[in-house]
N, C-alpha and C. Protein backbone atom coordinates (compact mmCIF):
# COMPACT_ATOMS: atom_id res chain seq x y z
N MET A 1 0.83 -1.19 0.00
CA MET A 1 0.00 0.00 0.00
C MET A 1 0.87 1.25 0.00
N ARG A 2 1.90 1.26 0.83
CA ARG A 2 2.74 2.45 0.95
C ARG A 2 3.35 2.84 -0.40
N THR A 3 3.86 1.86 -1.14
CA THR A 3 4.45 2.14 -2.44
C THR A 3 3.42 2.70 -3.39
N ALA A 4 2.23 2.14 -3.38
CA ALA A 4 1.16 2.63 -4.26
C ALA A 4 0.79 4.05 -3.90
N VAL A 5 0.71 4.34 -2.60
CA VAL A 5 0.38 5.70 -2.17
C VAL A 5 1.47 6.66 -2.61
N VAL A 6 2.73 6.28 -2.44
CA VAL A 6 3.84 7.14 -2.87
C VAL A 6 3.75 7.38 -4.38
N THR A 7 3.48 6.32 -5.15
CA THR A 7 3.35 6.47 -6.60
C THR A 7 2.24 7.45 -6.94
N MET A 8 1.10 7.29 -6.33
CA MET A 8 -0.03 8.15 -6.65
C MET A 8 0.20 9.58 -6.15
N ILE A 9 0.92 9.74 -5.04
CA ILE A 9 1.25 11.10 -4.60
C ILE A 9 2.18 11.75 -5.62
N CYS A 10 3.09 10.97 -6.20
CA CYS A 10 3.93 11.49 -7.27
C CYS A 10 3.07 11.94 -8.44
N ILE A 11 2.07 11.14 -8.78
CA ILE A 11 1.15 11.54 -9.85
C ILE A 11 0.47 12.85 -9.49
N MET A 12 0.01 12.93 -8.25
CA MET A 12 -0.66 14.16 -7.81
C MET A 12 0.29 15.35 -7.87
N SER A 13 1.56 15.15 -7.51
CA SER A 13 2.50 16.27 -7.53
C SER A 13 2.77 16.74 -8.94
N LEU A 14 2.62 15.86 -9.92
CA LEU A 14 2.75 16.29 -11.31
C LEU A 14 1.66 17.29 -11.68
N CYS A 15 0.60 17.28 -10.91
CA CYS A 15 -0.54 18.15 -11.17
C CYS A 15 -0.40 19.50 -10.47
N ALA A 16 0.68 19.71 -9.74
CA ALA A 16 0.80 20.90 -8.89
C ALA A 16 0.58 22.19 -9.65
N SER A 17 1.17 22.34 -10.81
CA SER A 17 0.98 23.58 -11.54
C SER A 17 -0.45 23.71 -12.03
N ALA A 18 -1.06 22.60 -12.40
CA ALA A 18 -2.47 22.65 -12.80
C ALA A 18 -3.34 23.05 -11.63
N PHE A 19 -3.03 22.54 -10.41
CA PHE A 19 -3.80 22.91 -9.24
C PHE A 19 -3.73 24.41 -9.00
N ALA A 20 -2.53 24.96 -9.02
CA ALA A 20 -2.36 26.38 -8.76
C ALA A 20 -3.09 27.22 -9.79
N ASP A 21 -3.03 26.83 -11.05
CA ASP A 21 -3.69 27.57 -12.11
C ASP A 21 -5.20 27.44 -12.05
N ASP A 22 -5.70 26.36 -11.50
CA ASP A 22 -7.12 26.06 -11.57
C ASP A 22 -7.86 26.20 -10.25
N PHE A 23 -7.30 26.88 -9.27
CA PHE A 23 -7.98 26.99 -7.98
C PHE A 23 -9.42 27.45 -8.16
N ARG A 24 -9.61 28.49 -8.92
CA ARG A 24 -10.97 29.00 -9.11
C ARG A 24 -11.85 28.00 -9.86
N GLY A 25 -11.24 27.23 -10.76
CA GLY A 25 -12.01 26.22 -11.48
C GLY A 25 -12.40 25.04 -10.60
N ILE A 26 -11.57 24.73 -9.63
CA ILE A 26 -11.86 23.63 -8.71
C ILE A 26 -12.93 24.05 -7.71
N ASP A 27 -12.92 25.32 -7.33
CA ASP A 27 -13.87 25.87 -6.37
C ASP A 27 -15.23 26.04 -7.06
N ILE A 28 -15.94 24.94 -7.24
CA ILE A 28 -17.17 24.92 -8.01
C ILE A 28 -18.23 25.89 -7.48
N ASN A 29 -18.40 25.95 -6.16
CA ASN A 29 -19.45 26.82 -5.61
C ASN A 29 -18.99 28.26 -5.39
N LYS A 30 -17.76 28.55 -5.78
CA LYS A 30 -17.20 29.92 -5.75
C LYS A 30 -17.26 30.57 -4.37
N ASP A 31 -17.00 29.76 -3.32
CA ASP A 31 -16.98 30.33 -1.98
C ASP A 31 -15.57 30.68 -1.52
N GLY A 32 -14.60 30.59 -2.43
CA GLY A 32 -13.23 30.96 -2.11
C GLY A 32 -12.45 29.87 -1.40
N ARG A 33 -12.98 28.66 -1.36
CA ARG A 33 -12.29 27.54 -0.74
C ARG A 33 -12.74 26.25 -1.42
N ILE A 34 -11.92 25.24 -1.30
CA ILE A 34 -12.16 23.95 -1.94
C ILE A 34 -12.48 22.93 -0.86
N ASP A 35 -13.63 22.28 -0.98
CA ASP A 35 -13.95 21.20 -0.04
C ASP A 35 -13.51 19.87 -0.64
N LEU A 36 -13.58 18.81 0.14
CA LEU A 36 -13.11 17.50 -0.30
C LEU A 36 -13.85 17.04 -1.56
N GLN A 37 -15.14 17.26 -1.63
CA GLN A 37 -15.90 16.83 -2.80
C GLN A 37 -15.41 17.54 -4.06
N GLU A 38 -15.15 18.84 -3.97
CA GLU A 38 -14.63 19.59 -5.13
C GLU A 38 -13.25 19.07 -5.51
N PHE A 39 -12.42 18.81 -4.51
CA PHE A 39 -11.07 18.31 -4.76
C PHE A 39 -11.12 16.94 -5.43
N GLN A 40 -11.98 16.05 -4.93
CA GLN A 40 -12.10 14.73 -5.53
C GLN A 40 -12.63 14.81 -6.95
N GLY A 41 -13.54 15.74 -7.22
CA GLY A 41 -14.05 15.92 -8.58
C GLY A 41 -12.94 16.31 -9.53
N PHE A 42 -12.07 17.19 -9.08
CA PHE A 42 -10.94 17.61 -9.91
C PHE A 42 -10.00 16.44 -10.18
N VAL A 43 -9.69 15.68 -9.12
CA VAL A 43 -8.80 14.53 -9.28
C VAL A 43 -9.41 13.52 -10.25
N LYS A 44 -10.71 13.31 -10.15
CA LYS A 44 -11.39 12.38 -11.05
C LYS A 44 -11.27 12.85 -12.50
N GLU A 45 -11.36 14.14 -12.70
CA GLU A 45 -11.28 14.71 -14.05
C GLU A 45 -9.90 14.56 -14.66
N ILE A 46 -8.85 14.78 -13.87
CA ILE A 46 -7.49 14.74 -14.43
C ILE A 46 -6.81 13.40 -14.28
N GLY A 47 -7.38 12.51 -13.46
CA GLY A 47 -6.75 11.24 -13.16
C GLY A 47 -6.27 10.45 -14.35
N PRO A 48 -7.14 10.16 -15.34
CA PRO A 48 -6.69 9.32 -16.46
C PRO A 48 -5.48 9.89 -17.21
N SER A 49 -5.43 11.19 -17.41
CA SER A 49 -4.29 11.74 -18.14
C SER A 49 -3.01 11.64 -17.33
N LYS A 50 -3.11 11.80 -16.02
CA LYS A 50 -1.92 11.69 -15.17
C LYS A 50 -1.47 10.24 -15.06
N ILE A 51 -2.40 9.32 -15.02
CA ILE A 51 -2.05 7.91 -14.95
C ILE A 51 -1.32 7.49 -16.22
N ARG A 52 -1.75 8.00 -17.35
CA ARG A 52 -1.09 7.66 -18.62
C ARG A 52 0.38 8.07 -18.62
N GLN A 53 0.75 9.06 -17.83
CA GLN A 53 2.15 9.47 -17.76
C GLN A 53 3.04 8.37 -17.19
N PHE A 54 2.48 7.46 -16.41
CA PHE A 54 3.24 6.36 -15.83
C PHE A 54 3.14 5.08 -16.65
N ASP A 55 2.40 5.13 -17.73
CA ASP A 55 2.20 3.97 -18.61
C ASP A 55 3.40 3.87 -19.55
N ALA A 56 4.49 3.31 -19.05
CA ALA A 56 5.77 3.30 -19.77
C ALA A 56 5.69 2.64 -21.14
N ASP A 57 4.90 1.59 -21.27
CA ASP A 57 4.83 0.90 -22.56
C ASP A 57 3.68 1.40 -23.43
N ALA A 58 2.98 2.43 -22.97
CA ALA A 58 1.90 3.09 -23.73
C ALA A 58 0.83 2.13 -24.22
N ASP A 59 0.51 1.14 -23.38
CA ASP A 59 -0.55 0.20 -23.78
C ASP A 59 -1.92 0.59 -23.24
N GLY A 60 -1.98 1.71 -22.54
CA GLY A 60 -3.26 2.18 -22.00
C GLY A 60 -3.58 1.64 -20.62
N PHE A 61 -2.66 0.90 -20.03
CA PHE A 61 -2.87 0.31 -18.72
C PHE A 61 -1.60 0.46 -17.89
N LEU A 62 -1.74 0.33 -16.56
CA LEU A 62 -0.58 0.27 -15.69
C LEU A 62 -0.36 -1.18 -15.31
N SER A 63 0.80 -1.69 -15.62
CA SER A 63 1.16 -3.04 -15.19
C SER A 63 1.55 -2.97 -13.72
N GLU A 64 1.74 -4.13 -13.12
CA GLU A 64 2.15 -4.15 -11.71
C GLU A 64 3.47 -3.40 -11.54
N LYS A 65 4.39 -3.57 -12.48
CA LYS A 65 5.68 -2.88 -12.41
C LYS A 65 5.48 -1.36 -12.53
N GLU A 66 4.66 -0.92 -13.46
CA GLU A 66 4.41 0.51 -13.64
C GLU A 66 3.69 1.09 -12.43
N PHE A 67 2.86 0.30 -11.78
CA PHE A 67 2.09 0.75 -10.61
C PHE A 67 2.96 0.83 -9.37
N ALA A 68 4.14 0.27 -9.41
CA ALA A 68 5.14 0.27 -8.32
C ALA A 68 5.11 -1.03 -7.56
N GLY A 69 4.30 -1.95 -7.98
CA GLY A 69 4.32 -3.33 -7.54
C GLY A 69 4.30 -3.60 -6.06
N ASP A 70 3.26 -3.18 -5.37
CA ASP A 70 3.12 -3.66 -4.00
C ASP A 70 1.86 -4.50 -3.91
N GLY A 71 1.49 -4.92 -2.72
CA GLY A 71 0.36 -5.82 -2.53
C GLY A 71 -0.98 -5.26 -2.94
N ASN A 72 -1.07 -3.97 -3.16
CA ASN A 72 -2.35 -3.37 -3.52
C ASN A 72 -2.68 -3.46 -4.99
N PHE A 73 -1.75 -3.89 -5.79
CA PHE A 73 -2.04 -3.98 -7.22
C PHE A 73 -3.29 -4.82 -7.46
N LYS A 74 -3.35 -5.98 -6.84
CA LYS A 74 -4.50 -6.86 -7.03
C LYS A 74 -5.78 -6.22 -6.53
N LYS A 75 -5.70 -5.47 -5.46
CA LYS A 75 -6.88 -4.79 -4.92
C LYS A 75 -7.38 -3.71 -5.89
N GLU A 76 -6.47 -2.97 -6.48
CA GLU A 76 -6.85 -1.88 -7.39
C GLU A 76 -7.26 -2.39 -8.76
N ASP A 77 -6.81 -3.58 -9.13
CA ASP A 77 -7.18 -4.18 -10.40
C ASP A 77 -8.57 -4.81 -10.25
N ALA A 78 -9.59 -3.97 -10.26
CA ALA A 78 -10.95 -4.39 -9.94
C ALA A 78 -11.48 -5.50 -10.84
N ASN A 79 -11.15 -5.46 -12.12
CA ASN A 79 -11.68 -6.48 -13.03
C ASN A 79 -10.76 -7.69 -13.15
N ARG A 80 -9.68 -7.70 -12.38
CA ARG A 80 -8.75 -8.83 -12.29
C ARG A 80 -8.17 -9.26 -13.64
N ASP A 81 -7.90 -8.27 -14.50
CA ASP A 81 -7.32 -8.61 -15.80
C ASP A 81 -5.80 -8.48 -15.82
N GLY A 82 -5.20 -8.22 -14.66
CA GLY A 82 -3.75 -8.11 -14.57
C GLY A 82 -3.22 -6.74 -14.95
N LYS A 83 -4.11 -5.77 -15.15
CA LYS A 83 -3.72 -4.41 -15.53
C LYS A 83 -4.64 -3.42 -14.81
N ILE A 84 -4.12 -2.26 -14.54
CA ILE A 84 -4.93 -1.19 -13.97
C ILE A 84 -5.20 -0.20 -15.09
N ASP A 85 -6.46 -0.11 -15.47
CA ASP A 85 -6.81 0.82 -16.54
C ASP A 85 -7.01 2.21 -15.95
N PRO A 86 -7.10 3.24 -16.79
CA PRO A 86 -7.25 4.60 -16.26
C PRO A 86 -8.44 4.76 -15.32
N GLN A 87 -9.54 4.06 -15.56
CA GLN A 87 -10.69 4.17 -14.68
C GLN A 87 -10.37 3.60 -13.29
N GLU A 88 -9.74 2.44 -13.25
CA GLU A 88 -9.36 1.84 -11.97
C GLU A 88 -8.36 2.73 -11.23
N GLY A 89 -7.40 3.26 -11.96
CA GLY A 89 -6.41 4.14 -11.34
C GLY A 89 -7.03 5.41 -10.82
N THR A 90 -7.96 5.96 -11.58
CA THR A 90 -8.64 7.18 -11.15
C THR A 90 -9.47 6.92 -9.91
N GLN A 91 -10.13 5.78 -9.85
CA GLN A 91 -10.90 5.43 -8.65
C GLN A 91 -10.00 5.40 -7.43
N PHE A 92 -8.79 4.86 -7.58
CA PHE A 92 -7.83 4.83 -6.48
C PHE A 92 -7.42 6.24 -6.09
N LEU A 93 -7.14 7.08 -7.08
CA LEU A 93 -6.78 8.47 -6.80
C LEU A 93 -7.88 9.17 -6.01
N VAL A 94 -9.11 9.02 -6.46
CA VAL A 94 -10.24 9.72 -5.83
C VAL A 94 -10.52 9.18 -4.43
N ALA A 95 -10.52 7.86 -4.29
CA ALA A 95 -10.90 7.25 -3.01
C ALA A 95 -9.80 7.28 -1.96
N VAL A 96 -8.54 7.15 -2.37
CA VAL A 96 -7.45 7.01 -1.39
C VAL A 96 -6.53 8.23 -1.35
N ILE A 97 -6.05 8.63 -2.50
CA ILE A 97 -5.04 9.69 -2.52
C ILE A 97 -5.64 11.07 -2.29
N ALA A 98 -6.74 11.40 -2.95
CA ALA A 98 -7.31 12.74 -2.82
C ALA A 98 -7.63 13.09 -1.36
N PRO A 99 -8.30 12.22 -0.59
CA PRO A 99 -8.56 12.58 0.80
C PRO A 99 -7.29 12.77 1.63
N THR A 100 -6.28 11.95 1.38
CA THR A 100 -5.02 12.07 2.10
C THR A 100 -4.33 13.37 1.77
N LYS A 101 -4.26 13.68 0.48
CA LYS A 101 -3.62 14.92 0.03
C LYS A 101 -4.40 16.12 0.56
N PHE A 102 -5.72 16.06 0.45
CA PHE A 102 -6.58 17.15 0.92
C PHE A 102 -6.33 17.41 2.41
N LYS A 103 -6.32 16.35 3.19
CA LYS A 103 -6.11 16.49 4.64
C LYS A 103 -4.75 17.11 4.94
N SER A 104 -3.73 16.75 4.17
CA SER A 104 -2.40 17.32 4.42
C SER A 104 -2.35 18.81 4.07
N TYR A 105 -3.19 19.26 3.16
CA TYR A 105 -3.24 20.67 2.79
C TYR A 105 -4.05 21.50 3.79
N ASP A 106 -5.04 20.89 4.43
CA ASP A 106 -5.98 21.59 5.31
C ASP A 106 -5.33 21.88 6.66
N MET A 107 -4.53 22.91 6.70
CA MET A 107 -3.72 23.22 7.87
C MET A 107 -4.55 23.53 9.12
N ASN A 108 -5.66 24.22 8.97
CA ASN A 108 -6.46 24.57 10.14
C ASN A 108 -7.55 23.54 10.45
N ARG A 109 -7.59 22.46 9.68
CA ARG A 109 -8.49 21.33 9.90
C ARG A 109 -9.97 21.73 9.93
N ASP A 110 -10.34 22.70 9.08
CA ASP A 110 -11.74 23.10 9.03
C ASP A 110 -12.52 22.36 7.94
N GLY A 111 -11.86 21.47 7.21
CA GLY A 111 -12.53 20.71 6.17
C GLY A 111 -12.58 21.41 4.83
N TYR A 112 -11.87 22.52 4.70
CA TYR A 112 -11.81 23.28 3.46
C TYR A 112 -10.38 23.72 3.19
N LEU A 113 -10.07 23.98 1.93
CA LEU A 113 -8.79 24.57 1.56
C LEU A 113 -9.05 25.98 1.07
N ASP A 114 -8.47 26.96 1.76
CA ASP A 114 -8.53 28.30 1.20
C ASP A 114 -7.35 28.43 0.23
N LYS A 115 -7.27 29.54 -0.46
CA LYS A 115 -6.23 29.68 -1.47
C LYS A 115 -4.83 29.57 -0.86
N ASN A 116 -4.63 30.12 0.33
CA ASN A 116 -3.31 30.06 0.98
C ASN A 116 -2.93 28.62 1.33
N GLU A 117 -3.87 27.86 1.87
CA GLU A 117 -3.58 26.45 2.20
C GLU A 117 -3.28 25.66 0.93
N PHE A 118 -4.06 25.94 -0.08
CA PHE A 118 -3.91 25.24 -1.36
C PHE A 118 -2.52 25.50 -1.95
N GLU A 119 -2.12 26.77 -1.98
CA GLU A 119 -0.81 27.12 -2.52
C GLU A 119 0.32 26.59 -1.65
N ALA A 120 0.16 26.66 -0.32
CA ALA A 120 1.17 26.13 0.59
C ALA A 120 1.32 24.61 0.39
N GLY A 121 0.22 23.94 0.16
CA GLY A 121 0.25 22.50 -0.07
C GLY A 121 1.06 22.14 -1.30
N GLN A 122 1.04 23.00 -2.28
CA GLN A 122 1.79 22.75 -3.50
C GLN A 122 3.30 22.82 -3.27
N MET A 123 3.71 23.50 -2.21
CA MET A 123 5.13 23.66 -1.92
C MET A 123 5.69 22.48 -1.13
N LYS A 124 4.82 21.59 -0.63
CA LYS A 124 5.27 20.44 0.17
C LYS A 124 6.01 19.46 -0.69
């Protein structure tokens, strides 16, 4: 699990510039802060393109080796075809990585990211 989380956090960090540029776009209700649901929606939207960046053989899937090969590969491979497709990878990003990343950004623990927390999180 730890290796998979590290891999997916690396994927998320590749999105850092997109996050900074899109704060207002992520803040769907325009209240000046991003809640977990808005953050997960954004991750779901960009997930497949970011996952493809780790698809070394460009076959449209992540193999166990490309996924970083820990015990969670089988868990994330929902259809048990031996590959993690962009949908499966995105589900992992949304369900596991987004809440963890969101929580690490939410410095005052109010359940929201204001622009300062969001930008500070990008510097981690």
